[in-house]
Amino acid sequence: MKRVFLFVLTNLAVLLVLGVVAHLFGVDRAAPGQYGALLAMAAIFGMGGSFISLAISKWSAKRMMGVKLIAQPSGDAEQWLVATVARHAQAAGIGMPEVGIFDSPQPNAFATGARRDAALVAVSTGLLRSMNREQIDAVLGHEISHVANGDMVTLTLIQGVLNTFVIFLSRIVGGIIDKAVFRSERDHGPGYFLTVMALQIVFGILASLIVMWFSRQREFRADAGGARLAGRPSMISALERLKAGQQAPLPDQLGAFGISGGGKAISRLFMTHPPLDERISRLQEMQA
């Protein structure tokens, strides 16, 4: 699921920038036993960084994925795509999202945006080539369900809380390491800043495990939403088509980005999606 990966990547970048700013202004330090001000700073920067990531999520997705927006549909395929998104958006009770296409041989799609009524839904050229319209209809219903369910906003709140602890703990542990290893004579020597930045990356990656778990749970809900909007047989068919296409998976560094998810058992904790067999099984168990 590209929207989650892009959000997490943007969030880590924003946190690093905010960390440098906090250090330059000297607000990322606390005397032993006086951590209230540091925790308050961490909450402000952590929640702020998360909401900045949300605010620029659509902008960054367009540029990182090379999304071409469909302003004026040209041809039957684009007209059908825009009309289908509009139909699902109306049924889900949200505003009409922007619709776009990005160049990728793999079947993929994502939805992102800071508000339910101002989202972006984008599909890959590979998805348009490899699926029939009933399957694409279900994929679009799945993505619209993410928007209608408020998944990006909920993700932002979770990420903000995690950011707070990442910022706070990295500075507490960084201070301990600075004193024990670098034996700085000042309150915080140069080793402190380097250690904090490294710890912030490490803790940020560990925190992303919680984000990935949340993402996997929301995928089941979005599948159910896609089944309601486009029909359960179409949603199951779309997932089965994705499963068949896993014979030619995305490269390792891209494997967890798309609607299909994937990955080896050892990397399951970092998967944004549950295995396709589990998703198909959940849909088959749904009452008609």
Protein backbone atom coordinates (compact mmCIF):
# COMPACT_ATOMS: atom_id res chain seq x y z
CA MET A 1 0.00 0.00 0.00
CA LYS A 2 1.91 2.97 -1.31
CA ARG A 3 0.05 5.55 0.76
CA VAL A 4 1.32 4.03 4.04
CA PHE A 5 4.91 3.69 2.83
CA LEU A 6 4.95 7.23 1.48
CA PHE A 7 3.44 8.56 4.71
CA VAL A 8 5.97 6.75 6.91
CA LEU A 9 8.89 7.80 4.70
CA THR A 10 7.74 11.43 4.68
CA ASN A 11 7.19 11.32 8.44
CA LEU A 12 10.73 10.07 9.09
CA ALA A 13 12.14 12.84 6.89
CA VAL A 14 10.04 15.49 8.65
CA LEU A 15 11.13 14.17 12.06
CA LEU A 16 14.79 14.45 11.10
CA VAL A 17 14.32 18.05 9.96
CA LEU A 18 12.42 18.94 13.13
CA GLY A 19 15.11 17.23 15.19
CA VAL A 20 17.80 19.44 13.65
CA VAL A 21 15.63 22.54 14.25
CA ALA A 22 15.03 21.57 17.88
CA HIS A 23 18.75 21.08 18.44
CA LEU A 24 19.67 24.41 16.84
CA PHE A 25 17.22 26.23 19.11
CA GLY A 26 18.33 24.24 22.14
CA VAL A 27 14.86 22.98 23.07
CA ASP A 28 15.68 19.27 22.87
CA ARG A 29 17.59 19.06 26.15
CA ALA A 30 16.54 18.44 29.72
CA ALA A 31 18.38 18.23 32.99
CA PRO A 32 18.24 14.83 34.72
CA GLY A 33 14.92 14.40 36.46
CA GLN A 34 13.34 17.39 34.74
CA TYR A 35 11.72 15.80 31.75
CA GLY A 36 8.35 17.57 31.69
CA ALA A 37 9.49 20.30 29.29
CA LEU A 38 11.21 17.73 27.06
CA LEU A 39 8.06 15.61 26.90
CA ALA A 40 5.99 18.70 26.02
CA MET A 41 8.43 19.56 23.24
CA ALA A 42 8.32 15.98 22.00
CA ALA A 43 4.51 16.06 21.88
CA ILE A 44 4.44 19.36 19.99
CA PHE A 45 7.08 18.32 17.47
CA GLY A 46 5.82 14.72 17.25
CA MET A 47 2.17 15.55 16.59
CA GLY A 48 3.17 18.52 14.46
CA GLY A 49 5.48 16.39 12.32
CA SER A 50 2.75 13.81 11.81
CA PHE A 51 0.20 16.41 10.71
CA ILE A 52 2.75 18.05 8.40
CA SER A 53 3.25 14.62 6.80
CA LEU A 54 -0.51 14.30 6.39
CA ALA A 55 -0.86 17.80 4.95
CA ILE A 56 1.72 17.14 2.23
CA SER A 57 0.77 13.48 1.65
CA LYS A 58 -1.10 14.14 -1.59
CA TRP A 59 1.58 16.50 -2.89
CA SER A 60 4.41 14.09 -2.11
CA ALA A 61 2.54 11.09 -3.54
CA LYS A 62 1.99 12.88 -6.85
CA ARG A 63 5.65 13.71 -7.20
CA MET A 64 7.21 10.54 -5.82
CA MET A 65 4.97 8.30 -7.90
CA GLY A 66 4.77 10.51 -10.98
CA VAL A 67 0.97 10.57 -10.90
CA LYS A 68 -0.70 12.05 -13.98
CA LEU A 69 -4.02 13.59 -12.95
CA ILE A 70 -7.04 13.13 -15.18
CA ALA A 71 -8.36 16.68 -15.45
CA GLN A 72 -10.23 16.09 -18.70
CA PRO A 73 -10.78 12.38 -19.44
CA SER A 74 -9.53 11.45 -22.91
CA GLY A 75 -10.90 8.19 -24.17
CA ASP A 76 -13.33 5.59 -22.93
CA ALA A 77 -10.96 4.08 -20.35
CA GLU A 78 -10.30 7.37 -18.53
CA GLN A 79 -13.97 8.36 -18.68
CA TRP A 80 -14.97 5.03 -17.16
CA LEU A 81 -12.28 5.34 -14.47
CA VAL A 82 -13.41 8.81 -13.38
CA ALA A 83 -17.09 7.85 -13.51
CA THR A 84 -16.46 4.74 -11.38
CA VAL A 85 -14.56 6.73 -8.73
CA ALA A 86 -17.38 9.30 -8.71
CA ARG A 87 -20.01 6.58 -8.25
CA HIS A 88 -18.15 4.97 -5.35
CA ALA A 89 -17.43 8.35 -3.73
CA GLN A 90 -21.11 9.26 -3.84
CA ALA A 91 -22.12 5.89 -2.40
CA ALA A 92 -19.52 6.23 0.38
CA GLY A 93 -20.64 9.79 1.21
CA ILE A 94 -17.36 11.58 0.46
CA GLY A 95 -16.37 14.36 -1.93
CA MET A 96 -15.09 13.54 -5.39
CA PRO A 97 -11.36 12.69 -5.15
CA GLU A 98 -8.75 13.63 -7.70
CA VAL A 99 -8.13 10.70 -10.04
CA GLY A 100 -4.75 9.86 -11.52
CA ILE A 101 -2.64 7.22 -13.23
CA PHE A 102 1.01 6.39 -12.55
CA ASP A 103 3.37 4.36 -14.71
CA SER A 104 4.19 0.98 -13.18
CA PRO A 105 4.11 -2.52 -14.69
CA GLN A 106 2.74 -3.96 -11.44
CA PRO A 107 -1.00 -3.87 -10.68
CA ASN A 108 -1.30 -1.29 -7.94
CA ALA A 109 -3.49 1.50 -6.58
CA PHE A 110 -3.54 3.86 -3.62
CA ALA A 111 -5.58 6.63 -2.02
CA THR A 112 -4.26 9.45 0.13
CA GLY A 113 -5.08 12.95 1.29
CA ALA A 114 -5.60 15.02 4.42
CA ARG A 115 -9.40 15.20 4.14
CA ARG A 116 -12.17 12.81 3.14
CA ASP A 117 -13.53 15.37 0.69
CA ALA A 118 -10.17 16.23 -0.89
CA ALA A 119 -8.44 12.89 -1.50
CA LEU A 120 -6.43 11.40 -4.35
CA VAL A 121 -7.08 8.00 -5.90
CA ALA A 122 -4.43 6.72 -8.30
CA VAL A 123 -4.04 3.46 -10.22
CA SER A 124 -1.07 2.00 -12.06
CA THR A 125 -0.88 1.35 -15.79
CA GLY A 126 -0.16 -2.28 -14.89
CA LEU A 127 -3.45 -2.57 -13.02
CA LEU A 128 -5.39 -1.14 -15.96
CA ARG A 129 -3.74 -3.63 -18.31
CA SER A 130 -3.97 -6.75 -16.14
CA MET A 131 -7.49 -6.53 -14.67
CA ASN A 132 -10.94 -6.47 -16.18
CA ARG A 133 -13.38 -3.69 -15.32
CA GLU A 134 -15.20 -5.66 -12.62
CA GLN A 135 -11.89 -6.22 -10.82
CA ILE A 136 -10.77 -2.62 -11.24
CA ASP A 137 -14.18 -1.53 -9.97
CA ALA A 138 -13.55 -3.50 -6.77
CA VAL A 139 -10.03 -2.09 -6.34
CA LEU A 140 -11.40 1.44 -6.66
CA GLY A 141 -14.09 0.60 -4.10
CA HIS A 142 -11.35 -0.65 -1.78
CA GLU A 143 -9.40 2.61 -2.09
CA ILE A 144 -12.51 4.78 -1.67
CA SER A 145 -13.28 2.80 1.49
CA HIS A 146 -9.88 3.77 2.90
CA VAL A 147 -10.81 7.42 2.39
CA ALA A 148 -14.35 7.03 3.76
CA ASN A 149 -13.06 5.15 6.82
CA GLY A 150 -10.69 8.01 7.64
CA ASP A 151 -7.68 5.71 7.65
CA MET A 152 -5.14 8.45 6.88
CA VAL A 153 -6.36 10.68 9.72
CA THR A 154 -6.38 7.80 12.20
CA LEU A 155 -2.93 6.81 11.00
CA THR A 156 -1.78 10.39 11.57
CA LEU A 157 -2.97 10.36 15.20
CA ILE A 158 -1.26 7.02 15.85
CA GLN A 159 1.93 8.22 14.17
CA GLY A 160 1.84 11.45 16.19
CA VAL A 161 1.74 9.58 19.50
CA LEU A 162 4.54 7.30 18.34
CA ASN A 163 6.58 10.30 17.17
CA THR A 164 6.25 11.81 20.65
CA PHE A 165 7.82 8.77 22.26
CA VAL A 166 10.45 8.45 19.52
CA ILE A 167 11.59 12.06 20.07
CA PHE A 168 11.44 11.80 23.88
CA LEU A 169 13.19 8.43 24.25
CA SER A 170 15.88 9.18 21.66
CA ARG A 171 16.93 12.22 23.68
CA ILE A 172 16.82 10.46 27.04
CA VAL A 173 18.86 7.51 25.75
CA GLY A 174 21.08 9.86 23.75
CA GLY A 175 21.94 11.80 26.88
CA ILE A 176 22.85 8.60 28.74
CA ILE A 177 25.08 7.41 25.87
CA ASP A 178 26.68 10.83 25.55
CA LYS A 179 27.72 10.78 29.20
CA ALA A 180 28.74 7.12 29.32
CA VAL A 181 30.53 6.77 25.96
CA PHE A 182 31.61 10.24 24.87
CA ARG A 183 32.09 11.51 28.45
CA SER A 184 31.13 14.99 27.41
CA GLU A 185 32.08 17.72 29.88
CA ARG A 186 29.23 19.94 28.67
CA ASP A 187 25.55 19.24 29.20
CA HIS A 188 25.34 17.83 25.69
CA GLY A 189 28.42 17.38 23.54
CA PRO A 190 28.60 16.81 19.76
CA GLY A 191 28.20 13.08 20.31
CA TYR A 192 24.77 13.75 21.78
CA PHE A 193 23.35 15.21 18.56
CA LEU A 194 24.72 12.41 16.36
CA THR A 195 23.50 9.75 18.78
CA VAL A 196 20.03 11.29 19.02
CA MET A 197 19.65 11.46 15.23
CA ALA A 198 20.71 7.81 14.89
CA LEU A 199 18.39 6.71 17.68
CA GLN A 200 15.53 8.71 16.21
CA ILE A 201 15.87 6.76 12.96
CA VAL A 202 16.10 3.41 14.76
CA PHE A 203 13.18 4.13 17.10
CA GLY A 204 11.22 5.54 14.17
CA ILE A 205 11.65 2.31 12.23
CA LEU A 206 10.60 0.28 15.26
CA ALA A 207 7.56 2.52 15.72
CA SER A 208 6.62 1.85 12.11
CA LEU A 209 5.92 -1.77 13.13
CA ILE A 210 2.84 -0.48 14.97
CA VAL A 211 1.83 1.56 11.94
CA MET A 212 2.18 -1.52 9.73
CA TRP A 213 0.06 -3.57 12.13
CA PHE A 214 -2.63 -0.89 12.03
CA SER A 215 -2.45 -0.87 8.24
CA ARG A 216 -2.96 -4.63 8.05
CA GLN A 217 -6.10 -4.42 10.19
CA ARG A 218 -7.55 -1.61 8.07
CA GLU A 219 -6.98 -3.61 4.89
CA PHE A 220 -9.60 -6.15 5.98
CA ARG A 221 -12.05 -3.32 6.56
CA ALA A 222 -11.27 -1.72 3.19
CA ASP A 223 -11.75 -5.11 1.49
CA ALA A 224 -15.18 -5.34 3.09
CA GLY A 225 -15.94 -1.82 1.90
CA GLY A 226 -14.86 -2.67 -1.63
CA ALA A 227 -17.11 -5.73 -1.51
CA ARG A 228 -20.08 -3.58 -0.49
CA LEU A 229 -19.44 -1.00 -3.21
CA ALA A 230 -18.53 -3.29 -6.10
CA GLY A 231 -19.81 -6.70 -5.03
CA ARG A 232 -18.10 -9.45 -3.08
CA PRO A 233 -17.40 -11.66 -6.15
CA SER A 234 -15.60 -8.76 -7.85
CA MET A 235 -13.51 -8.01 -4.76
CA ILE A 236 -12.52 -11.65 -4.38
CA SER A 237 -11.75 -11.86 -8.09
CA ALA A 238 -9.50 -8.78 -7.86
CA LEU A 239 -7.55 -10.27 -4.95
CA GLU A 240 -7.22 -13.61 -6.74
CA ARG A 241 -5.87 -11.76 -9.78
CA LEU A 242 -3.31 -10.05 -7.55
CA LYS A 243 -2.39 -13.42 -6.07
CA ALA A 244 -1.83 -14.86 -9.52
CA GLY A 245 0.38 -11.91 -10.37
CA GLN A 246 2.64 -12.58 -7.38
CA GLN A 247 4.57 -14.99 -9.57
CA ALA A 248 6.37 -11.82 -10.69
CA PRO A 249 6.62 -9.85 -7.42
CA LEU A 250 7.80 -6.33 -6.88
CA PRO A 251 11.47 -5.89 -5.98
CA ASP A 252 12.23 -6.36 -2.28
CA GLN A 253 12.42 -2.63 -1.63
CA LEU A 254 8.97 -2.13 -3.19
CA GLY A 255 7.20 -5.30 -2.13
CA ALA A 256 5.14 -3.77 0.68
CA PHE A 257 4.04 -0.68 -1.22
CA GLY A 258 1.04 -1.72 -3.25
CA ILE A 259 -2.49 -2.95 -2.80
CA SER A 260 -1.34 -6.57 -2.98
CA GLY A 261 1.28 -6.34 -0.21
CA GLY A 262 3.49 -9.40 -0.03
CA GLY A 263 6.85 -10.30 1.45
CA LYS A 264 8.61 -13.20 3.13
CA ALA A 265 7.62 -14.56 6.50
CA ILE A 266 10.62 -12.91 8.17
CA SER A 267 9.40 -9.50 7.01
CA ARG A 268 5.75 -10.01 7.96
CA LEU A 269 5.98 -7.43 10.74
CA PHE A 270 6.84 -4.79 8.15
CA MET A 271 4.06 -5.77 5.76
CA THR A 272 1.38 -3.16 5.18
CA HIS A 273 -1.04 -5.86 3.98
CA PRO A 274 -2.14 -9.24 5.32
CA PRO A 275 -1.39 -12.20 3.01
CA LEU A 276 -3.83 -12.36 0.11
CA ASP A 277 -5.05 -15.81 1.17
CA GLU A 278 -6.18 -14.36 4.51
CA ARG A 279 -7.94 -11.45 2.82
CA ILE A 280 -9.73 -13.74 0.38
CA SER A 281 -10.74 -16.06 3.22
CA ARG A 282 -12.22 -13.15 5.20
CA LEU A 283 -14.31 -12.09 2.22
CA GLN A 284 -15.52 -15.62 1.59
CA GLU A 285 -16.66 -15.82 5.21
CA MET A 286 -18.72 -12.64 4.91
CA GLN A 287 -22.45 -13.13 4.77
CA ALA A 288 -23.86 -12.45 1.33
